[in-house]
C-alpha atoms as a PDB file:
ATOM      1  CA  MET A   1     200.893 -67.202  82.596  1.00  0.00           C
ATOM      2  CA  TRP A   2     201.070 -66.406  78.883  1.00  0.00           C
ATOM      3  CA  ALA A   3     204.687 -67.582  78.583  1.00  0.00           C
ATOM      4  CA  CYS A   4     204.021 -70.822  80.500  1.00  0.00           C
ATOM      5  CA  SER A   5     200.963 -71.578  78.376  1.00  0.00           C
ATOM      6  CA  LEU A   6     203.010 -70.997  75.238  1.00  0.00           C
ATOM      7  CA  VAL A   7     205.687 -73.417  76.470  1.00  0.00           C
ATOM      8  CA  MET A   8     203.014 -76.066  77.145  1.00  0.00           C
ATOM      9  CA  LEU A   9     201.645 -75.514  73.640  1.00  0.00           C
ATOM     10  CA  LEU A  10     205.097 -76.015  72.123  1.00  0.00           C
ATOM     11  CA  VAL A  11     205.701 -79.145  74.218  1.00  0.00           C
ATOM     12  CA  THR A  12     202.496 -80.749  72.907  1.00  0.00           C
ATOM     13  CA  LEU A  13     203.257 -80.115  69.225  1.00  0.00           C
ATOM     14  CA  PRO A  14     203.657 -83.392  67.269  1.00  0.00           C
ATOM     15  CA  GLN A  15     207.067 -82.237  66.012  1.00  0.00           C
ATOM     16  CA  THR A  16     208.320 -81.923  69.588  1.00  0.00           C
ATOM     17  CA  ASN A  17     207.998 -85.689  70.103  1.00  0.00           C
ATOM     18  CA  HIS A  18     210.998 -86.172  67.831  1.00  0.00           C
ATOM     19  CA  TYR A  19     213.239 -84.275  70.239  1.00  0.00           C
ATOM     20  CA  ILE A  20     211.943 -85.007  73.769  1.00  0.00           C
ATOM     21  CA  SER A  21     210.189 -88.012  75.309  1.00  0.00           C
ATOM     22  CA  ASN A  22     206.665 -88.025  76.726  1.00  0.00           C
ATOM     23  CA  SER A  23     207.990 -88.269  80.288  1.00  0.00           C
ATOM     24  CA  VAL A  24     210.148 -85.163  79.801  1.00  0.00           C
ATOM     25  CA  SER A  25     207.162 -83.331  78.254  1.00  0.00           C
ATOM     26  CA  LEU A  26     205.080 -84.234  81.305  1.00  0.00           C
ATOM     27  CA  VAL A  27     207.735 -82.888  83.667  1.00  0.00           C
ATOM     28  CA  ILE A  28     207.885 -79.633  81.694  1.00  0.00           C
ATOM     29  CA  ILE A  29     204.089 -79.278  81.860  1.00  0.00           C
ATOM     30  CA  TYR A  30     204.091 -79.770  85.648  1.00  0.00           C
ATOM     31  CA  VAL A  31     206.867 -77.184  86.027  1.00  0.00           C
ATOM     32  CA  MET A  32     204.893 -74.711  83.906  1.00  0.00           C
ATOM     33  CA  ILE A  33     201.779 -75.296  86.023  1.00  0.00           C
ATOM     34  CA  PHE A  34     203.874 -74.531  89.126  1.00  0.00           C
ATOM     35  CA  PHE A  35     205.059 -71.243  87.598  1.00  0.00           C
ATOM     36  CA  ILE A  36     201.495 -70.363  86.576  1.00  0.00           C
ATOM     37  CA  GLY A  37     200.523 -70.737  90.235  1.00  0.00           C
ATOM     38  CA  LEU A  38     203.464 -68.503  91.140  1.00  0.00           C
ATOM     39  CA  ALA A  39     202.322 -65.890  88.613  1.00  0.00           C
ATOM     40  CA  ARG A  40     198.760 -66.014  89.946  1.00  0.00           C
ATOM     41  CA  GLY A  41     200.167 -65.270  93.393  1.00  0.00           C
ATOM     42  CA  PHE A  42     201.343 -61.906  92.031  1.00  0.00           C
ATOM     43  CA  TYR A  43     198.335 -61.370  89.808  1.00  0.00           C
ATOM     44  CA  GLY A  44     195.698 -61.600  92.578  1.00  0.00           C
ATOM     45  CA  PRO A  45     196.986 -58.821  94.873  1.00  0.00           C
ATOM     46  CA  THR A  46     197.861 -56.630  91.895  1.00  0.00           C
ATOM     47  CA  ALA A  47     194.410 -56.980  90.305  1.00  0.00           C
ATOM     48  CA  PHE A  48     192.783 -56.195  93.676  1.00  0.00           C
ATOM     49  CA  SER A  49     194.824 -52.972  93.939  1.00  0.00           C
ATOM     50  CA  VAL A  50     194.188 -51.929  90.327  1.00  0.00           C
ATOM     51  CA  MET A  51     190.420 -52.399  90.624  1.00  0.00           C
ATOM     52  CA  THR A  52     190.204 -49.847  93.441  1.00  0.00           C
ATOM     53  CA  HIS A  53     191.729 -47.224  91.121  1.00  0.00           C
ATOM     54  CA  ILE A  54     189.461 -47.827  88.129  1.00  0.00           C
ATOM     55  CA  ILE A  55     186.161 -48.364  90.022  1.00  0.00           C
ATOM     56  CA  PRO A  56     184.408 -45.588  92.003  1.00  0.00           C
ATOM     57  CA  ARG A  57     184.071 -46.380  95.715  1.00  0.00           C
ATOM     58  CA  GLU A  58     180.265 -46.307  95.648  1.00  0.00           C
ATOM     59  CA  LEU A  59     180.302 -49.082  93.023  1.00  0.00           C
ATOM     60  CA  TYR A  60     182.509 -51.508  95.021  1.00  0.00           C
ATOM     61  CA  PRO A  61     179.651 -53.890  96.002  1.00  0.00           C
ATOM     62  CA  ASN A  62     178.264 -53.987  92.462  1.00  0.00           C
ATOM     63  CA  SER A  63     181.702 -54.442  90.905  1.00  0.00           C
ATOM     64  CA  SER A  64     182.486 -57.288  93.311  1.00  0.00           C
ATOM     65  CA  THR A  65     179.276 -58.997  92.201  1.00  0.00           C
ATOM     66  CA  TRP A  66     180.115 -58.711  88.492  1.00  0.00           C
ATOM     67  CA  ASN A  67     183.732 -59.695  89.040  1.00  0.00           C
ATOM     68  CA  SER A  68     182.818 -62.792  91.057  1.00  0.00           C
ATOM     69  CA  SER A  69     179.973 -63.825  88.727  1.00  0.00           C
ATOM     70  CA  THR A  70     182.322 -63.532  85.737  1.00  0.00           C
ATOM     71  CA  TYR A  71     184.831 -65.744  87.520  1.00  0.00           C
ATOM     72  CA  GLN A  72     182.164 -68.331  88.379  1.00  0.00           C
ATOM     73  CA  THR A  73     180.895 -68.309  84.790  1.00  0.00           C
ATOM     74  CA  ALA A  74     184.415 -69.022  83.602  1.00  0.00           C
ATOM     75  CA  ALA A  75     184.701 -71.763  86.244  1.00  0.00           C
ATOM     76  CA  VAL A  76     181.685 -73.458  84.623  1.00  0.00           C
ATOM     77  CA  LEU A  77     182.506 -72.865  80.961  1.00  0.00           C
ATOM     78  CA  GLY A  78     186.303 -73.281  81.168  1.00  0.00           C
ATOM     79  CA  PRO A  79     186.455 -76.968  82.141  1.00  0.00           C
ATOM     80  CA  LEU A  80     183.460 -77.750  79.898  1.00  0.00           C
ATOM     81  CA  VAL A  81     184.931 -76.137  76.775  1.00  0.00           C
ATOM     82  CA  GLY A  82     188.420 -77.421  77.598  1.00  0.00           C
ATOM     83  CA  GLY A  83     187.133 -80.972  77.982  1.00  0.00           C
ATOM     84  CA  LEU A  84     185.195 -80.834  74.714  1.00  0.00           C
ATOM     85  CA  LEU A  85     188.164 -79.351  72.852  1.00  0.00           C
ATOM     86  CA  TYR A  86     190.490 -81.995  74.227  1.00  0.00           C
ATOM     87  CA  ALA A  87     188.044 -84.804  73.389  1.00  0.00           C
ATOM     88  CA  TYR A  88     187.271 -83.731  69.818  1.00  0.00           C
ATOM     89  CA  ALA A  89     190.323 -81.725  68.710  1.00  0.00           C
ATOM     90  CA  GLY A  90     193.225 -82.946  70.839  1.00  0.00           C
ATOM     91  CA  ILE A  91     195.672 -81.423  73.300  1.00  0.00           C
ATOM     92  CA  THR A  92     197.564 -79.096  70.932  1.00  0.00           C
ATOM     93  CA  PRO A  93     194.480 -77.243  69.561  1.00  0.00           C
ATOM     94  CA  THR A  94     193.260 -76.930  73.153  1.00  0.00           C
ATOM     95  CA  PHE A  95     196.473 -75.167  74.167  1.00  0.00           C
ATOM     96  CA  VAL A  96     196.196 -72.958  71.061  1.00  0.00           C
ATOM     97  CA  VAL A  97     192.819 -71.723  72.342  1.00  0.00           C
ATOM     98  CA  VAL A  98     194.290 -71.230  75.834  1.00  0.00           C
ATOM     99  CA  VAL A  99     197.137 -69.087  74.485  1.00  0.00           C
ATOM    100  CA  ILE A 100     194.715 -67.050  72.337  1.00  0.00           C
ATOM    101  CA  PHE A 101     192.489 -66.245  75.323  1.00  0.00           C
ATOM    102  CA  ILE A 102     195.395 -65.350  77.598  1.00  0.00           C
ATOM    103  CA  SER A 103     196.757 -63.154  74.791  1.00  0.00           C
ATOM    104  CA  ILE A 104     193.418 -61.320  74.657  1.00  0.00           C
ATOM    105  CA  ALA A 105     193.569 -60.815  78.430  1.00  0.00           C
ATOM    106  CA  LEU A 106     197.152 -59.554  78.191  1.00  0.00           C
ATOM    107  CA  ILE A 107     196.232 -57.053  75.469  1.00  0.00           C
ATOM    108  CA  ALA A 108     193.237 -55.859  77.518  1.00  0.00           C
ATOM    109  CA  ILE A 109     195.499 -55.241  80.519  1.00  0.00           C
ATOM    110  CA  THR A 110     197.920 -53.168  78.439  1.00  0.00           C
ATOM    111  CA  LEU A 111     194.999 -50.919  77.408  1.00  0.00           C
ATOM    112  CA  LEU A 112     194.352 -49.902  81.031  1.00  0.00           C
ATOM    113  CA  SER A 113     195.570 -46.417  81.864  1.00  0.00           C
ATOM    114  CA  ARG A 114     198.675 -46.399  84.044  1.00  0.00           C
ATOM    115  CA  GLN A 115     198.139 -45.479  87.688  1.00  0.00           C
ATOM    116  CA  GLN A 116     200.807 -43.737  89.696  1.00  0.00           C
ATOM    117  CA  PRO A 117     201.625 -45.683  92.887  1.00  0.00           C
ATOM    118  CA  GLU A 118     200.340 -43.970  96.023  1.00  0.00           C
ATOM    119  CA  TYR A 119     202.628 -45.979  98.253  1.00  0.00           C
ATOM    120  CA  ILE A 120     205.888 -47.779  97.560  1.00  0.00           C
ATOM    121  CA  PRO A 121     206.939 -50.035 100.462  1.00  0.00           C
ATOM    122  CA  LYS A 122     210.534 -49.675 101.605  1.00  0.00           C
ATOM    123  CA  GLU A 123     210.576 -52.556 104.082  1.00  0.00           C
ATOM    124  CA  SER A 124     211.521 -56.184 103.428  1.00  0.00           C
ATOM    125  CA  ILE A 125     209.038 -58.811 102.255  1.00  0.00           C
ATOM    126  CA  LYS A 126     208.973 -60.285 105.770  1.00  0.00           C
ATOM    127  CA  ASP A 127     208.148 -56.941 107.397  1.00  0.00           C
ATOM    128  CA  SER A 128     205.648 -56.076 104.666  1.00  0.00           C
ATOM    129  CA  LEU A 129     203.795 -59.362 105.101  1.00  0.00           C
ATOM    130  CA  LYS A 130     203.917 -58.965 108.885  1.00  0.00           C
ATOM    131  CA  GLU A 131     202.328 -55.528 108.573  1.00  0.00           C
ATOM    132  CA  GLY A 132     199.564 -56.949 106.367  1.00  0.00           C
ATOM    133  CA  ILE A 133     198.827 -59.752 108.848  1.00  0.00           C
ATOM    134  CA  SER A 134     198.870 -57.246 111.728  1.00  0.00           C
ATOM    135  CA  PHE A 135     196.356 -55.002 109.923  1.00  0.00           C
ATOM    136  CA  VAL A 136     193.996 -57.913 109.292  1.00  0.00           C
ATOM    137  CA  TRP A 137     194.400 -59.150 112.880  1.00  0.00           C
ATOM    138  CA  ASN A 138     193.459 -55.744 114.329  1.00  0.00           C
ATOM    139  CA  SER A 139     190.421 -55.310 112.087  1.00  0.00           C
ATOM    140  CA  ARG A 140     187.653 -57.222 113.840  1.00  0.00           C
ATOM    141  CA  MET A 141     185.272 -57.432 110.897  1.00  0.00           C
ATOM    142  CA  MET A 142     187.944 -58.304 108.333  1.00  0.00           C
ATOM    143  CA  LEU A 143     189.504 -60.953 110.595  1.00  0.00           C
ATOM    144  CA  GLY A 144     186.073 -62.445 111.247  1.00  0.00           C
ATOM    145  CA  ALA A 145     185.213 -62.511 107.537  1.00  0.00           C
ATOM    146  CA  LEU A 146     188.501 -64.180 106.609  1.00  0.00           C
ATOM    147  CA  SER A 147     188.168 -66.683 109.468  1.00  0.00           C
ATOM    148  CA  LEU A 148     184.632 -67.613 108.449  1.00  0.00           C
ATOM    149  CA  ASP A 149     185.670 -68.150 104.847  1.00  0.00           C
ATOM    150  CA  LEU A 150     188.862 -69.976 105.835  1.00  0.00           C
ATOM    151  CA  PHE A 151     187.207 -72.536 108.109  1.00  0.00           C
ATOM    152  CA  SER A 152     184.068 -73.010 106.002  1.00  0.00           C
ATOM    153  CA  VAL A 153     186.242 -73.843 102.986  1.00  0.00           C
ATOM    154  CA  LEU A 154     188.601 -75.924 105.138  1.00  0.00           C
ATOM    155  CA  PHE A 155     185.832 -78.149 106.507  1.00  0.00           C
ATOM    156  CA  GLY A 156     183.379 -77.851 103.600  1.00  0.00           C
ATOM    157  CA  GLY A 157     185.460 -79.476 100.867  1.00  0.00           C
ATOM    158  CA  VAL A 158     182.600 -81.447  99.333  1.00  0.00           C
ATOM    159  CA  VAL A 159     184.101 -81.204  95.837  1.00  0.00           C
ATOM    160  CA  ALA A 160     186.963 -83.533  96.813  1.00  0.00           C
ATOM    161  CA  VAL A 161     184.584 -86.433  97.511  1.00  0.00           C
ATOM    162  CA  LEU A 162     182.096 -85.849  94.660  1.00  0.00           C
ATOM    163  CA  PRO A 163     183.572 -88.715  92.576  1.00  0.00           C
ATOM    164  CA  ILE A 164     182.783 -91.131  95.439  1.00  0.00           C
ATOM    165  CA  PHE A 165     179.201 -89.895  95.664  1.00  0.00           C
ATOM    166  CA  ALA A 166     178.739 -90.059  91.881  1.00  0.00           C
ATOM    167  CA  LYS A 167     180.138 -93.594  91.565  1.00  0.00           C
ATOM    168  CA  ASP A 168     179.286 -95.437  94.785  1.00  0.00           C
ATOM    169  CA  ILE A 169     176.437 -93.598  96.515  1.00  0.00           C
ATOM    170  CA  LEU A 170     174.237 -91.969  93.856  1.00  0.00           C
ATOM    171  CA  ASN A 171     175.328 -94.332  91.036  1.00  0.00           C
ATOM    172  CA  VAL A 172     175.185 -91.684  88.311  1.00  0.00           C
ATOM    173  CA  GLY A 173     178.578 -92.275  86.680  1.00  0.00           C
ATOM    174  CA  ALA A 174     180.815 -89.800  84.881  1.00  0.00           C
ATOM    175  CA  SER A 175     178.012 -87.780  83.290  1.00  0.00           C
ATOM    176  CA  GLY A 176     176.320 -87.290  86.645  1.00  0.00           C
ATOM    177  CA  PHE A 177     179.631 -86.306  88.194  1.00  0.00           C
ATOM    178  CA  GLY A 178     180.139 -83.634  85.513  1.00  0.00           C
ATOM    179  CA  LEU A 179     176.761 -82.121  86.334  1.00  0.00           C
ATOM    180  CA  MET A 180     177.438 -82.300  90.080  1.00  0.00           C
ATOM    181  CA  ARG A 181     180.809 -80.650  89.552  1.00  0.00           C
ATOM    182  CA  SER A 182     179.334 -77.642  87.753  1.00  0.00           C
ATOM    183  CA  ILE A 183     175.971 -77.116  89.484  1.00  0.00           C
ATOM    184  CA  ASP A 184     177.431 -75.232  92.468  1.00  0.00           C
ATOM    185  CA  SER A 185     179.085 -72.728  90.100  1.00  0.00           C
ATOM    186  CA  ILE A 186     175.759 -72.326  88.278  1.00  0.00           C
ATOM    187  CA  GLY A 187     174.119 -71.554  91.629  1.00  0.00           C
ATOM    188  CA  ALA A 188     176.874 -69.030  92.363  1.00  0.00           C
ATOM    189  CA  VAL A 189     176.510 -67.287  88.987  1.00  0.00           C
ATOM    190  CA  LEU A 190     172.712 -66.954  89.187  1.00  0.00           C
ATOM    191  CA  THR A 191     172.860 -65.707  92.780  1.00  0.00           C
ATOM    192  CA  MET A 192     175.520 -63.124  91.964  1.00  0.00           C
ATOM    193  CA  LEU A 193     173.494 -61.864  89.027  1.00  0.00           C
ATOM    194  CA  ALA A 194     170.539 -61.472  91.404  1.00  0.00           C
ATOM    195  CA  MET A 195     172.773 -59.592  93.849  1.00  0.00           C
ATOM    196  CA  THR A 196     173.534 -56.953  91.219  1.00  0.00           C
ATOM    197  CA  ARG A 197     169.925 -55.919  91.851  1.00  0.00           C
ATOM    198  CA  TYR A 198     169.489 -56.947  95.496  1.00  0.00           C
ATOM    199  CA  SER A 199     172.668 -56.190  97.414  1.00  0.00           C
ATOM    200  CA  PRO A 200     173.371 -58.070 100.685  1.00  0.00           C
ATOM    201  CA  MET A 201     175.390 -55.118 102.025  1.00  0.00           C
ATOM    202  CA  GLY A 202     172.501 -53.573 104.009  1.00  0.00           C
ATOM    203  CA  LYS A 203     173.521 -55.596 107.074  1.00  0.00           C
ATOM    204  CA  PRO A 204     176.682 -57.287 105.815  1.00  0.00           C
ATOM    205  CA  TRP A 205     177.800 -59.103 108.961  1.00  0.00           C
ATOM    206  CA  ARG A 206     174.385 -60.586 109.698  1.00  0.00           C
ATOM    207  CA  ASN A 207     173.999 -61.642 106.070  1.00  0.00           C
ATOM    208  CA  LEU A 208     177.501 -63.137 106.051  1.00  0.00           C
ATOM    209  CA  LEU A 209     176.670 -65.310 109.067  1.00  0.00           C
ATOM    210  CA  ILE A 210     173.385 -66.385 107.447  1.00  0.00           C
ATOM    211  CA  ALA A 211     175.185 -67.228 104.186  1.00  0.00           C
ATOM    212  CA  VAL A 212     177.845 -69.374 105.884  1.00  0.00           C
ATOM    213  CA  THR A 213     175.109 -71.064 107.950  1.00  0.00           C
ATOM    214  CA  GLY A 214     173.261 -71.896 104.726  1.00  0.00           C
ATOM    215  CA  PHE A 215     176.543 -73.193 103.295  1.00  0.00           C
ATOM    216  CA  GLY A 216     176.990 -75.563 106.250  1.00  0.00           C
ATOM    217  CA  VAL A 217     173.359 -76.733 106.184  1.00  0.00           C
ATOM    218  CA  SER A 218     173.616 -77.411 102.426  1.00  0.00           C
ATOM    219  CA  ILE A 219     176.678 -79.598 103.033  1.00  0.00           C
ATOM    220  CA  ILE A 220     174.859 -81.636 105.688  1.00  0.00           C
ATOM    221  CA  CYS A 221     171.748 -82.042 103.516  1.00  0.00           C
ATOM    222  CA  PHE A 222     173.901 -83.142 100.576  1.00  0.00           C
ATOM    223  CA  GLY A 223     175.571 -85.750 102.777  1.00  0.00           C
ATOM    224  CA  LEU A 224     172.194 -87.126 103.871  1.00  0.00           C
ATOM    225  CA  SER A 225     170.618 -87.157 100.380  1.00  0.00           C
ATOM    226  CA  ARG A 226     170.279 -90.390  98.405  1.00  0.00           C
ATOM    227  CA  ASN A 227     168.388 -88.819  95.520  1.00  0.00           C
ATOM    228  CA  PHE A 228     170.443 -87.443  92.643  1.00  0.00           C
ATOM    229  CA  TYR A 229     168.157 -84.481  91.962  1.00  0.00           C
ATOM    230  CA  TRP A 230     167.994 -83.471  95.621  1.00  0.00           C
ATOM    231  CA  SER A 231     171.786 -83.741  95.733  1.00  0.00           C
ATOM    232  CA  LEU A 232     172.010 -81.388  92.756  1.00  0.00           C
ATOM    233  CA  PHE A 233     169.660 -78.961  94.511  1.00  0.00           C
ATOM    234  CA  PHE A 234     171.788 -78.910  97.668  1.00  0.00           C
ATOM    235  CA  LEU A 235     174.958 -78.412  95.624  1.00  0.00           C
ATOM    236  CA  PHE A 236     173.180 -75.533  93.871  1.00  0.00           C
ATOM    237  CA  THR A 237     172.286 -73.892  97.207  1.00  0.00           C
ATOM    238  CA  LEU A 238     175.822 -74.553  98.451  1.00  0.00           C
ATOM    239  CA  GLY A 239     177.216 -72.511  95.547  1.00  0.00           C
ATOM    240  CA  ALA A 240     174.552 -69.831  96.024  1.00  0.00           C
ATOM    241  CA  PHE A 241     175.321 -69.307  99.732  1.00  0.00           C
ATOM    242  CA  ASP A 242     179.050 -69.413  99.073  1.00  0.00           C
ATOM    243  CA  SER A 243     178.747 -66.683  96.435  1.00  0.00           C
ATOM    244  CA  ILE A 244     176.989 -64.411  98.935  1.00  0.00           C
ATOM    245  CA  SER A 245     179.785 -64.847 101.484  1.00  0.00           C
ATOM    246  CA  VAL A 246     182.434 -64.247  98.782  1.00  0.00           C
ATOM    247  CA  LEU A 247     180.733 -61.017  97.689  1.00  0.00           C
ATOM    248  CA  ILE A 248     180.392 -59.684 101.244  1.00  0.00           C
ATOM    249  CA  ARG A 249     183.975 -60.606 102.167  1.00  0.00           C
ATOM    250  CA  SER A 250     185.469 -59.032  99.025  1.00  0.00           C
ATOM    251  CA  THR A 251     183.433 -55.842  99.528  1.00  0.00           C
ATOM    252  CA  ILE A 252     184.485 -55.631 103.198  1.00  0.00           C
ATOM    253  CA  MET A 253     188.112 -55.958 102.122  1.00  0.00           C
ATOM    254  CA  GLN A 254     187.780 -53.206  99.501  1.00  0.00           C
ATOM    255  CA  VAL A 255     186.020 -50.785 101.859  1.00  0.00           C
ATOM    256  CA  LEU A 256     188.117 -51.324 105.007  1.00  0.00           C
ATOM    257  CA  THR A 257     191.577 -51.575 103.424  1.00  0.00           C
ATOM    258  CA  PRO A 258     193.539 -48.305 102.966  1.00  0.00           C
ATOM    259  CA  ASP A 259     195.217 -47.823  99.594  1.00  0.00           C
ATOM    260  CA  LYS A 260     198.750 -48.393 100.858  1.00  0.00           C
ATOM    261  CA  MET A 261     197.765 -51.767 102.380  1.00  0.00           C
ATOM    262  CA  ARG A 262     195.729 -53.197  99.510  1.00  0.00           C
ATOM    263  CA  GLY A 263     198.437 -55.355  97.965  1.00  0.00           C
ATOM    264  CA  ARG A 264     199.540 -56.804 101.296  1.00  0.00           C
ATOM    265  CA  VAL A 265     196.020 -57.456 102.580  1.00  0.00           C
ATOM    266  CA  SER A 266     195.093 -59.123  99.285  1.00  0.00           C
ATOM    267  CA  ALA A 267     198.243 -61.246  99.546  1.00  0.00           C
ATOM    268  CA  VAL A 268     197.290 -62.307 103.083  1.00  0.00           C
ATOM    269  CA  ASN A 269     193.772 -63.106 101.872  1.00  0.00           C
ATOM    270  CA  SER A 270     195.076 -65.152  98.935  1.00  0.00           C
ATOM    271  CA  MET A 271     197.525 -66.961 101.186  1.00  0.00           C
ATOM    272  CA  PHE A 272     194.897 -68.043 103.700  1.00  0.00           C
ATOM    273  CA  ILE A 273     191.805 -68.485 101.524  1.00  0.00           C
ATOM    274  CA  GLY A 274     193.628 -69.836  98.464  1.00  0.00           C
ATOM    275  CA  SER A 275     195.592 -72.419 100.419  1.00  0.00           C
ATOM    276  CA  SER A 276     192.520 -73.461 102.407  1.00  0.00           C
ATOM    277  CA  ASN A 277     190.928 -74.834  99.211  1.00  0.00           C
ATOM    278  CA  GLU A 278     193.762 -77.315  98.721  1.00  0.00           C
ATOM    279  CA  ILE A 279     194.124 -78.065 102.433  1.00  0.00           C
ATOM    280  CA  GLY A 280     190.357 -78.483 102.681  1.00  0.00           C
ATOM    281  CA  ALA A 281     190.388 -80.982  99.819  1.00  0.00           C
ATOM    282  CA  PHE A 282     193.176 -82.865 101.590  1.00  0.00           C
ATOM    283  CA  GLU A 283     191.205 -82.810 104.858  1.00  0.00           C
ATOM    284  CA  SER A 284     188.095 -84.134 103.093  1.00  0.00           C
ATOM    285  CA  GLY A 285     190.093 -86.943 101.497  1.00  0.00           C
ATOM    286  CA  VAL A 286     191.688 -87.949 104.804  1.00  0.00           C
ATOM    287  CA  MET A 287     188.357 -87.849 106.663  1.00  0.00           C
ATOM    288  CA  ALA A 288     186.676 -89.847 103.886  1.00  0.00           C
ATOM    289  CA  ARG A 289     189.427 -92.433 104.231  1.00  0.00           C
ATOM    290  CA  LEU A 290     189.068 -92.606 108.033  1.00  0.00           C
ATOM    291  CA  LEU A 291     185.292 -92.207 108.449  1.00  0.00           C
ATOM    292  CA  GLY A 292     183.821 -92.889 105.014  1.00  0.00           C
ATOM    293  CA  ALA A 293     182.508 -90.392 102.450  1.00  0.00           C
ATOM    294  CA  ILE A 294     179.129 -89.658 104.059  1.00  0.00           C
ATOM    295  CA  PRO A 295     180.386 -89.181 107.662  1.00  0.00           C
ATOM    296  CA  SER A 296     183.208 -86.967 106.389  1.00  0.00           C
ATOM    297  CA  VAL A 297     180.720 -84.654 104.627  1.00  0.00           C
ATOM    298  CA  LEU A 298     178.451 -84.539 107.701  1.00  0.00           C
ATOM    299  CA  PHE A 299     181.482 -83.777 109.876  1.00  0.00           C
ATOM    300  CA  GLY A 300     182.554 -80.933 107.559  1.00  0.00           C
ATOM    301  CA  GLY A 301     179.093 -79.351 107.526  1.00  0.00           C
ATOM    302  CA  SER A 302     178.755 -79.657 111.302  1.00  0.00           C
ATOM    303  CA  MET A 303     182.164 -78.063 111.888  1.00  0.00           C
ATOM    304  CA  THR A 304     181.165 -75.185 109.593  1.00  0.00           C
ATOM    305  CA  LEU A 305     178.098 -74.554 111.765  1.00  0.00           C
ATOM    306  CA  VAL A 306     180.250 -74.703 114.911  1.00  0.00           C
ATOM    307  CA  VAL A 307     182.518 -72.031 113.420  1.00  0.00           C
ATOM    308  CA  VAL A 308     179.478 -69.837 112.614  1.00  0.00           C
ATOM    309  CA  VAL A 309     178.080 -70.120 116.147  1.00  0.00           C
ATOM    310  CA  THR A 310     181.487 -69.392 117.688  1.00  0.00           C
ATOM    311  CA  THR A 311     181.960 -66.356 115.434  1.00  0.00           C
ATOM    312  CA  TRP A 312     178.460 -65.071 116.171  1.00  0.00           C
ATOM    313  CA  LEU A 313     179.022 -65.321 119.947  1.00  0.00           C
ATOM    314  CA  ASN A 314     182.165 -63.212 119.606  1.00  0.00           C
ATOM    315  CA  THR A 315     180.828 -60.632 117.141  1.00  0.00           C
ATOM    316  CA  LYS A 316     177.216 -59.965 118.175  1.00  0.00           C
ATOM    317  CA  SER A 317     177.782 -56.224 118.110  1.00  0.00           C
ATOM    318  CA  LEU A 318     178.638 -56.328 114.392  1.00  0.00           C
ATOM    319  CA  CYS A 319     175.215 -57.762 113.513  1.00  0.00           C
ATOM    320  CA  ARG A 320     173.363 -54.557 114.374  1.00  0.00           C
END
């Protein structure tokens, strides 16, 4: 990620324009973004495995809350600061800041004490991935948690149609869209900070079902709203409920996954949950094209509730 960011910085330097055209620079930037995604594919499972070594088991729920709230805070501040830097300073200074921050992260990682591997897989990537999928499939609670998150994100891709709501339905323009785009992350951050004090892990499966139900209801209410402030409120609750489900799912994964399976299970989780964000955005765009923006949002929220009911009927024993 550091190397790709550095390449993008070099490509945007004014001096570079003398040697390569803008179209070539754009191609290079897209290629670097692809490799950043590739690097993140390795980073996610590795970070998940490292965290279990540096955090005591009894602090897993609390650490998941802080980790997720930090991520959500960055999700709010990152685009905001990046947009302001780009608007007032230009693309090259923006990339300078990006490289500086990734350099800080890289230095911080090198300061971590080295952990001896407890398990080194000998099998092929195919067999290793198959074993990870098999473990998830045979763990009823983990499979249910991943399925809930997968389908709620798949059908609940409200973010993809926010520009339509901002421009054509709520008539709030670009500034309103910016606020709509960030309010769900604000709801997530505040809720996660509250969960550092009030943990939802007392009855995790029941609370997970309630959280995903609230997520679906928030989507439906947002689709029905014609008032900008009510729409912001429902986006806020959407982010809040989503943060609860993320915390419970990540804690379940940390507690139920044996050390030797952590990397593979995290890879399976990233593969399904990570891809569902993009596929969900695609689904929302297609449904908005076929049905219209409002019906597509109502359809997504309704399907989320159907998934919750179906999961609850098949996992009643886990709610006790």
